[in-house]
N, C-alpha and C. Protein backbone atom coordinates (compact mmCIF):
# COMPACT_ATOMS: atom_id res chain seq x y z
N UNK A 1 0.83 -1.18 0.00
CA UNK A 1 0.00 0.00 0.00
C UNK A 1 0.88 1.25 0.00
N UNK A 2 0.29 2.33 -0.48
CA UNK A 2 1.03 3.58 -0.54
C UNK A 2 1.20 4.16 0.86
N UNK A 3 2.41 4.56 1.15
CA UNK A 3 2.69 5.23 2.43
C UNK A 3 3.52 6.47 2.17
N UNK A 4 3.15 7.54 2.83
CA UNK A 4 3.90 8.79 2.79
C UNK A 4 4.20 9.17 4.23
N UNK A 5 5.47 9.37 4.54
CA UNK A 5 5.88 9.67 5.90
C UNK A 5 6.70 10.95 5.91
N UNK A 6 6.14 11.98 6.56
CA UNK A 6 6.83 13.27 6.66
C UNK A 6 7.74 13.30 7.87
N UNK A 7 8.77 14.11 7.78
CA UNK A 7 9.66 14.33 8.91
C UNK A 7 10.32 15.69 8.76
N UNK A 8 10.95 16.14 9.85
CA UNK A 8 11.70 17.38 9.80
C UNK A 8 11.04 18.56 10.49
N UNK A 9 9.80 18.42 10.88
CA UNK A 9 9.14 19.52 11.55
C UNK A 9 9.66 19.70 12.97
N UNK A 10 9.75 20.97 13.39
CA UNK A 10 10.19 21.27 14.74
C UNK A 10 9.89 22.72 15.07
N UNK A 11 10.28 23.12 16.25
CA UNK A 11 10.15 24.50 16.70
C UNK A 11 11.35 25.29 16.21
N UNK A 12 11.08 26.43 15.56
CA UNK A 12 12.16 27.26 15.04
C UNK A 12 11.79 28.72 15.25
N UNK A 13 12.80 29.57 15.36
CA UNK A 13 12.54 31.00 15.53
C UNK A 13 12.22 31.65 14.18
N UNK A 14 11.47 32.72 14.24
CA UNK A 14 11.16 33.48 13.03
C UNK A 14 12.46 33.89 12.34
N UNK A 15 12.46 33.78 11.02
CA UNK A 15 13.64 34.06 10.23
C UNK A 15 14.51 32.85 9.98
N UNK A 16 14.22 31.77 10.68
CA UNK A 16 15.01 30.56 10.54
C UNK A 16 14.59 29.71 9.35
N UNK A 17 15.23 28.55 9.24
CA UNK A 17 14.98 27.64 8.12
C UNK A 17 14.72 26.23 8.63
N UNK A 18 13.98 25.49 7.84
CA UNK A 18 13.74 24.07 8.08
C UNK A 18 13.66 23.36 6.74
N UNK A 19 14.01 22.09 6.76
CA UNK A 19 13.83 21.26 5.58
C UNK A 19 12.94 20.08 5.95
N UNK A 20 11.78 20.01 5.34
CA UNK A 20 10.89 18.89 5.54
C UNK A 20 11.18 17.82 4.50
N UNK A 21 11.02 16.58 4.91
CA UNK A 21 11.19 15.45 4.00
C UNK A 21 9.94 14.60 4.00
N UNK A 22 9.70 13.94 2.89
CA UNK A 22 8.58 13.01 2.77
C UNK A 22 9.10 11.76 2.06
N UNK A 23 9.03 10.64 2.76
CA UNK A 23 9.46 9.37 2.19
C UNK A 23 8.25 8.62 1.66
N UNK A 24 8.32 8.22 0.40
CA UNK A 24 7.20 7.53 -0.24
C UNK A 24 7.54 6.07 -0.47
N UNK A 25 6.54 5.21 -0.30
CA UNK A 25 6.71 3.79 -0.57
C UNK A 25 5.39 3.24 -1.09
N UNK A 26 5.48 2.07 -1.74
CA UNK A 26 4.28 1.42 -2.25
C UNK A 26 3.77 1.96 -3.56
N UNK A 27 4.58 2.78 -4.24
CA UNK A 27 4.18 3.33 -5.54
C UNK A 27 5.43 3.55 -6.38
N UNK A 28 5.24 3.62 -7.69
CA UNK A 28 6.34 3.94 -8.58
C UNK A 28 6.50 5.46 -8.57
N UNK A 29 7.27 5.90 -7.60
CA UNK A 29 7.32 7.31 -7.22
C UNK A 29 7.61 8.23 -8.38
N UNK A 30 8.52 7.84 -9.24
CA UNK A 30 8.98 8.72 -10.31
C UNK A 30 7.91 9.04 -11.34
N UNK A 31 6.76 8.39 -11.26
CA UNK A 31 5.69 8.64 -12.23
C UNK A 31 4.73 9.75 -11.80
N UNK A 32 4.81 10.18 -10.54
CA UNK A 32 3.71 10.98 -9.99
C UNK A 32 4.14 12.33 -9.43
N UNK A 33 3.25 13.30 -9.61
CA UNK A 33 3.45 14.60 -8.99
C UNK A 33 3.23 14.49 -7.48
N UNK A 34 3.91 15.37 -6.77
CA UNK A 34 3.80 15.41 -5.31
C UNK A 34 3.50 16.84 -4.87
N UNK A 35 2.82 16.93 -3.74
CA UNK A 35 2.50 18.25 -3.22
C UNK A 35 2.71 18.33 -1.72
N UNK A 36 2.85 19.56 -1.26
CA UNK A 36 2.88 19.87 0.17
C UNK A 36 1.69 20.78 0.48
N UNK A 37 1.02 20.46 1.56
CA UNK A 37 -0.08 21.27 2.07
C UNK A 37 0.18 21.53 3.54
N UNK A 38 -0.57 22.46 4.11
CA UNK A 38 -0.42 22.72 5.54
C UNK A 38 -1.78 23.09 6.15
N UNK A 39 -1.88 22.84 7.45
CA UNK A 39 -3.09 23.20 8.17
C UNK A 39 -2.72 23.84 9.49
N UNK A 40 -3.08 25.09 9.63
CA UNK A 40 -2.85 25.83 10.86
C UNK A 40 -4.03 25.59 11.81
N UNK A 41 -3.82 25.78 13.11
CA UNK A 41 -4.90 25.57 14.07
C UNK A 41 -6.12 26.40 13.74
N UNK A 42 -7.28 25.75 13.67
CA UNK A 42 -8.52 26.45 13.42
C UNK A 42 -8.75 26.87 11.99
N UNK A 43 -7.86 26.45 11.09
CA UNK A 43 -7.99 26.84 9.69
C UNK A 43 -8.09 25.61 8.79
N UNK A 44 -8.57 25.84 7.59
CA UNK A 44 -8.64 24.76 6.61
C UNK A 44 -7.24 24.45 6.08
N UNK A 45 -7.09 23.23 5.61
CA UNK A 45 -5.82 22.86 4.99
C UNK A 45 -5.63 23.66 3.70
N UNK A 46 -4.40 24.09 3.44
CA UNK A 46 -4.14 24.92 2.27
C UNK A 46 -2.94 24.40 1.50
N UNK A 47 -2.94 24.69 0.23
CA UNK A 47 -1.84 24.31 -0.65
C UNK A 47 -0.59 25.13 -0.35
N UNK A 48 0.56 24.46 -0.43
CA UNK A 48 1.84 25.15 -0.23
C UNK A 48 2.68 25.10 -1.52
N UNK A 49 2.94 23.89 -2.01
CA UNK A 49 3.81 23.75 -3.18
C UNK A 49 3.58 22.40 -3.82
N UNK A 50 3.92 22.29 -5.10
CA UNK A 50 3.80 21.02 -5.80
C UNK A 50 4.90 20.91 -6.84
N UNK A 51 5.20 19.67 -7.20
CA UNK A 51 6.26 19.40 -8.18
C UNK A 51 5.82 18.27 -9.08
N UNK A 52 6.14 18.38 -10.36
CA UNK A 52 5.71 17.33 -11.28
C UNK A 52 6.58 16.09 -11.15
N UNK A 53 6.24 15.07 -11.91
CA UNK A 53 6.86 13.77 -11.75
C UNK A 53 8.36 13.79 -12.01
N UNK A 54 8.80 14.66 -12.91
CA UNK A 54 10.22 14.69 -13.27
C UNK A 54 11.01 15.74 -12.50
N UNK A 55 10.30 16.59 -11.78
CA UNK A 55 10.98 17.65 -11.05
C UNK A 55 11.26 18.89 -11.87
N UNK A 56 10.75 18.94 -13.09
CA UNK A 56 11.03 20.06 -13.98
C UNK A 56 10.02 21.19 -13.89
N UNK A 57 8.93 20.95 -13.17
CA UNK A 57 7.89 21.97 -13.04
C UNK A 57 7.45 22.05 -11.59
N UNK A 58 7.38 23.26 -11.06
CA UNK A 58 6.95 23.48 -9.69
C UNK A 58 5.90 24.59 -9.65
N UNK A 59 5.17 24.61 -8.55
CA UNK A 59 4.13 25.62 -8.37
C UNK A 59 4.01 25.92 -6.88
N UNK A 60 3.87 27.21 -6.55
CA UNK A 60 3.86 27.63 -5.16
C UNK A 60 2.67 28.51 -4.85
N UNK A 61 2.22 28.42 -3.61
CA UNK A 61 1.26 29.39 -3.11
C UNK A 61 1.94 30.75 -3.01
N UNK A 62 1.19 31.80 -3.23
CA UNK A 62 1.77 33.14 -3.18
C UNK A 62 2.41 33.43 -1.82
N UNK A 63 1.82 32.86 -0.78
CA UNK A 63 2.29 33.14 0.58
C UNK A 63 3.70 32.59 0.86
N UNK A 64 4.16 31.65 0.04
CA UNK A 64 5.48 31.05 0.30
C UNK A 64 6.46 31.27 -0.85
N UNK A 65 5.97 31.84 -1.93
CA UNK A 65 6.82 32.04 -3.11
C UNK A 65 8.04 32.87 -2.76
N UNK A 66 9.20 32.39 -3.18
CA UNK A 66 10.44 33.09 -2.88
C UNK A 66 11.07 32.71 -1.56
N UNK A 67 10.33 32.01 -0.72
CA UNK A 67 10.86 31.56 0.58
C UNK A 67 10.99 30.05 0.66
N UNK A 68 10.08 29.33 0.03
CA UNK A 68 10.06 27.86 0.09
C UNK A 68 10.47 27.29 -1.27
N UNK A 69 11.12 26.12 -1.23
CA UNK A 69 11.50 25.42 -2.45
C UNK A 69 11.16 23.96 -2.32
N UNK A 70 10.40 23.45 -3.28
CA UNK A 70 10.08 22.03 -3.32
C UNK A 70 11.04 21.34 -4.27
N UNK A 71 11.46 20.14 -3.91
CA UNK A 71 12.34 19.36 -4.77
C UNK A 71 12.07 17.88 -4.53
N UNK A 72 12.63 17.06 -5.40
CA UNK A 72 12.43 15.62 -5.25
C UNK A 72 13.68 14.87 -5.70
N UNK A 73 13.81 13.66 -5.15
CA UNK A 73 14.89 12.76 -5.55
C UNK A 73 14.22 11.44 -5.92
N UNK A 74 14.02 11.21 -7.18
CA UNK A 74 13.29 10.02 -7.61
C UNK A 74 14.07 8.74 -7.34
N UNK A 75 15.37 8.81 -7.23
CA UNK A 75 16.17 7.63 -6.92
C UNK A 75 15.96 7.19 -5.48
N UNK A 76 15.59 8.13 -4.62
CA UNK A 76 15.39 7.83 -3.20
C UNK A 76 13.92 7.83 -2.79
N UNK A 77 13.03 8.08 -3.73
CA UNK A 77 11.59 8.16 -3.42
C UNK A 77 11.30 9.21 -2.35
N UNK A 78 11.93 10.37 -2.50
CA UNK A 78 11.81 11.43 -1.51
C UNK A 78 11.36 12.73 -2.16
N UNK A 79 10.56 13.49 -1.42
CA UNK A 79 10.24 14.86 -1.79
C UNK A 79 10.55 15.75 -0.60
N UNK A 80 11.04 16.95 -0.89
CA UNK A 80 11.51 17.84 0.16
C UNK A 80 10.82 19.20 0.06
N UNK A 81 10.79 19.89 1.20
CA UNK A 81 10.34 21.27 1.21
C UNK A 81 11.34 22.06 2.04
N UNK A 82 12.15 22.86 1.35
CA UNK A 82 13.08 23.75 2.03
C UNK A 82 12.35 25.04 2.35
N UNK A 83 12.33 25.39 3.62
CA UNK A 83 11.59 26.56 4.08
C UNK A 83 12.57 27.55 4.68
N UNK A 84 12.67 28.72 4.10
CA UNK A 84 13.56 29.77 4.58
C UNK A 84 12.74 30.98 5.02
N UNK A 85 13.36 31.85 5.76
CA UNK A 85 12.72 33.09 6.23
C UNK A 85 11.36 32.79 6.84
N UNK A 86 11.34 31.84 7.74
CA UNK A 86 10.08 31.40 8.31
C UNK A 86 9.43 32.49 9.14
N UNK A 87 8.10 32.49 9.11
CA UNK A 87 7.30 33.46 9.84
C UNK A 87 6.38 32.72 10.80
N UNK A 88 5.93 33.40 11.85
CA UNK A 88 4.96 32.74 12.75
C UNK A 88 3.72 32.25 12.00
N UNK A 89 3.35 32.92 10.92
CA UNK A 89 2.18 32.51 10.14
C UNK A 89 2.41 31.22 9.37
N UNK A 90 3.64 30.73 9.34
CA UNK A 90 3.93 29.44 8.72
C UNK A 90 3.68 28.27 9.67
N UNK A 91 3.37 28.57 10.92
CA UNK A 91 3.09 27.52 11.89
C UNK A 91 1.89 26.69 11.45
N UNK A 92 2.09 25.39 11.36
CA UNK A 92 1.04 24.50 10.86
C UNK A 92 1.54 23.07 10.91
N UNK A 93 0.62 22.15 10.70
CA UNK A 93 0.99 20.77 10.39
C UNK A 93 1.15 20.68 8.88
N UNK A 94 2.29 20.17 8.45
CA UNK A 94 2.60 20.09 7.02
C UNK A 94 2.42 18.64 6.55
N UNK A 95 1.71 18.51 5.43
CA UNK A 95 1.39 17.20 4.86
C UNK A 95 1.97 17.09 3.45
N UNK A 96 2.50 15.92 3.12
CA UNK A 96 2.80 15.67 1.72
C UNK A 96 1.71 14.79 1.14
N UNK A 97 1.55 14.88 -0.17
CA UNK A 97 0.47 14.18 -0.85
C UNK A 97 0.94 13.75 -2.23
N UNK A 98 0.35 12.65 -2.71
CA UNK A 98 0.70 12.10 -4.01
C UNK A 98 -0.49 12.17 -4.96
N UNK A 99 -0.23 12.65 -6.15
CA UNK A 99 -1.23 12.74 -7.22
C UNK A 99 -0.99 11.57 -8.17
N UNK A 100 -1.84 10.55 -8.12
CA UNK A 100 -1.57 9.30 -8.85
C UNK A 100 -2.08 9.31 -10.28
N UNK A 101 -1.85 10.41 -10.98
CA UNK A 101 -2.05 10.45 -12.42
C UNK A 101 -0.67 10.36 -13.05
N UNK A 102 -0.35 9.22 -13.67
CA UNK A 102 1.03 9.01 -14.12
C UNK A 102 1.46 10.00 -15.20
N UNK A 103 2.63 10.56 -15.00
CA UNK A 103 3.26 11.47 -15.96
C UNK A 103 2.34 12.63 -16.32
N UNK A 104 1.59 13.09 -15.34
CA UNK A 104 0.65 14.19 -15.59
C UNK A 104 1.39 15.48 -15.91
N UNK A 105 0.82 16.27 -16.81
CA UNK A 105 1.39 17.58 -17.13
C UNK A 105 0.86 18.65 -16.18
N UNK A 106 -0.06 18.25 -15.30
CA UNK A 106 -0.67 19.19 -14.36
C UNK A 106 0.07 19.15 -13.03
N UNK A 107 0.40 20.31 -12.51
CA UNK A 107 0.95 20.41 -11.15
C UNK A 107 -0.18 21.00 -10.31
N UNK A 108 -0.86 20.12 -9.57
CA UNK A 108 -2.13 20.48 -8.96
C UNK A 108 -1.97 21.22 -7.65
N UNK A 109 -2.92 22.11 -7.38
CA UNK A 109 -2.95 22.82 -6.11
C UNK A 109 -4.22 22.53 -5.31
N UNK A 110 -5.09 21.68 -5.85
CA UNK A 110 -6.35 21.40 -5.17
C UNK A 110 -6.31 20.04 -4.48
N UNK A 111 -6.80 19.98 -3.26
CA UNK A 111 -6.75 18.75 -2.48
C UNK A 111 -7.39 17.55 -3.18
N UNK A 112 -8.56 17.69 -3.82
CA UNK A 112 -9.20 16.51 -4.43
C UNK A 112 -8.37 15.86 -5.53
N UNK A 113 -7.36 16.56 -6.03
CA UNK A 113 -6.53 15.98 -7.09
C UNK A 113 -5.43 15.09 -6.54
N UNK A 114 -5.33 15.01 -5.24
CA UNK A 114 -4.33 14.17 -4.60
C UNK A 114 -5.00 12.94 -3.99
N UNK A 115 -4.32 11.82 -4.16
CA UNK A 115 -4.94 10.55 -3.81
C UNK A 115 -4.48 9.98 -2.47
N UNK A 116 -3.26 10.27 -2.10
CA UNK A 116 -2.72 9.75 -0.84
C UNK A 116 -2.06 10.87 -0.06
N UNK A 117 -2.17 10.74 1.27
CA UNK A 117 -1.67 11.77 2.18
C UNK A 117 -0.85 11.14 3.29
N UNK A 118 0.14 11.88 3.73
CA UNK A 118 0.86 11.47 4.92
C UNK A 118 0.14 11.91 6.18
N UNK A 119 0.74 11.61 7.32
CA UNK A 119 0.14 11.93 8.62
C UNK A 119 0.48 13.34 9.08
N UNK A 120 1.49 13.93 8.47
CA UNK A 120 1.83 15.31 8.80
C UNK A 120 2.98 15.43 9.78
N UNK A 121 3.63 16.59 9.73
CA UNK A 121 4.71 16.93 10.66
C UNK A 121 4.50 18.36 11.13
N UNK A 122 4.66 18.59 12.42
CA UNK A 122 4.37 19.90 13.01
C UNK A 122 5.54 20.86 12.83
N UNK A 123 5.22 22.03 12.31
CA UNK A 123 6.19 23.13 12.24
C UNK A 123 5.65 24.27 13.09
N UNK A 124 6.47 24.71 14.02
CA UNK A 124 6.09 25.83 14.87
C UNK A 124 7.16 26.90 14.77
N UNK A 125 6.72 28.11 14.41
CA UNK A 125 7.64 29.23 14.26
C UNK A 125 7.33 30.24 15.35
N UNK A 126 8.30 30.47 16.20
CA UNK A 126 8.11 31.40 17.32
C UNK A 126 8.58 32.79 16.92
N UNK A 127 7.92 33.80 17.48
CA UNK A 127 8.26 35.19 17.15
C UNK A 127 9.33 35.73 18.08
């Protein structure tokens, strides 16, 4: 079965950096786009970033553009989210997700387009 396991979340001061990782198993990882979403306390889950199957196309929410970078290593079945210049408003549980449309040309930002989700990792940014 498909499993996505996030790691790397922790408490960090504003202005700091974190790198989140997501390990995928149970799927031919290199065929599928991956995304990162987040959910802050009391708020709906929101899109953060996505990357296509080959890593050649990325898409970011306006709120993180220029600060966050999504990348992937298909040889290791891993997707990453490098987060720089963190703000208290970035505090949330971060989830990775897999879009199981093989070799899709779409880099999706909508939750229904993703088929599998991880359990999430907590990121807390203190002011």
